[in-house]
Amino acid sequence: MNMEMVNMVIDMKGLSCPKPLIGAKRMVDELAAGQVLLLISDCPGTQDDLFTWAQHTGNQILKSEKMPEGGFGYYIQKGTNAKLPKVNVELDIRGAVCPGPIVEAKKLLNGMQTGEVLKLTSDCPGVQSDITGWASATGMTLLDTVEISIGVHQFYIRKG
């Protein structure tokens, strides 16, 4: 992520949680949908706070990285405030390696009604690249993908 894509920067180094999250929330509230805030923080709890907050607000953590001047930088993209789809079935399959998440999702989707939505949670590194092709090849619709923490994604899949 380069600095040209950042619309606003807030440096909260030296402040303890929840102050970095509160600062980020105030700044994100000022952004238009799709714009990006770079939050810099050295508080160890900021990462968990941000990912939990983003999951509940429709905002997205695009990337986090160690900053040369200290702390971590979190690139936060303001969401459209669109609500996540209504979920009929949830499958949390963290710890399973590919193709396990897709195999298990297929089993559940086979028993679901057309139009119902499965929320699949997985930390398999390959599932994110595999799921789009798999969904379209099987007539399913990938409605949304949300990174709930680093390397952990939730996929909202509607049976076609």
Foldseek 3Di string as FASTA:
>chain_A
DDPVQAPEEDEPEPDEPPVLVVVVVVVLVVDDAFGKYKYFYAHPCNQLVVLQVCVVQVKAFPDKDADPVGGIITIIGRHPSDDDDDADEEAEDEPDEPPVQVVVVVVVLVPDDAFHKYKYKYLHQPCVVVVVVVCVVQVKDFPDWGASHVSIIITIIGHD
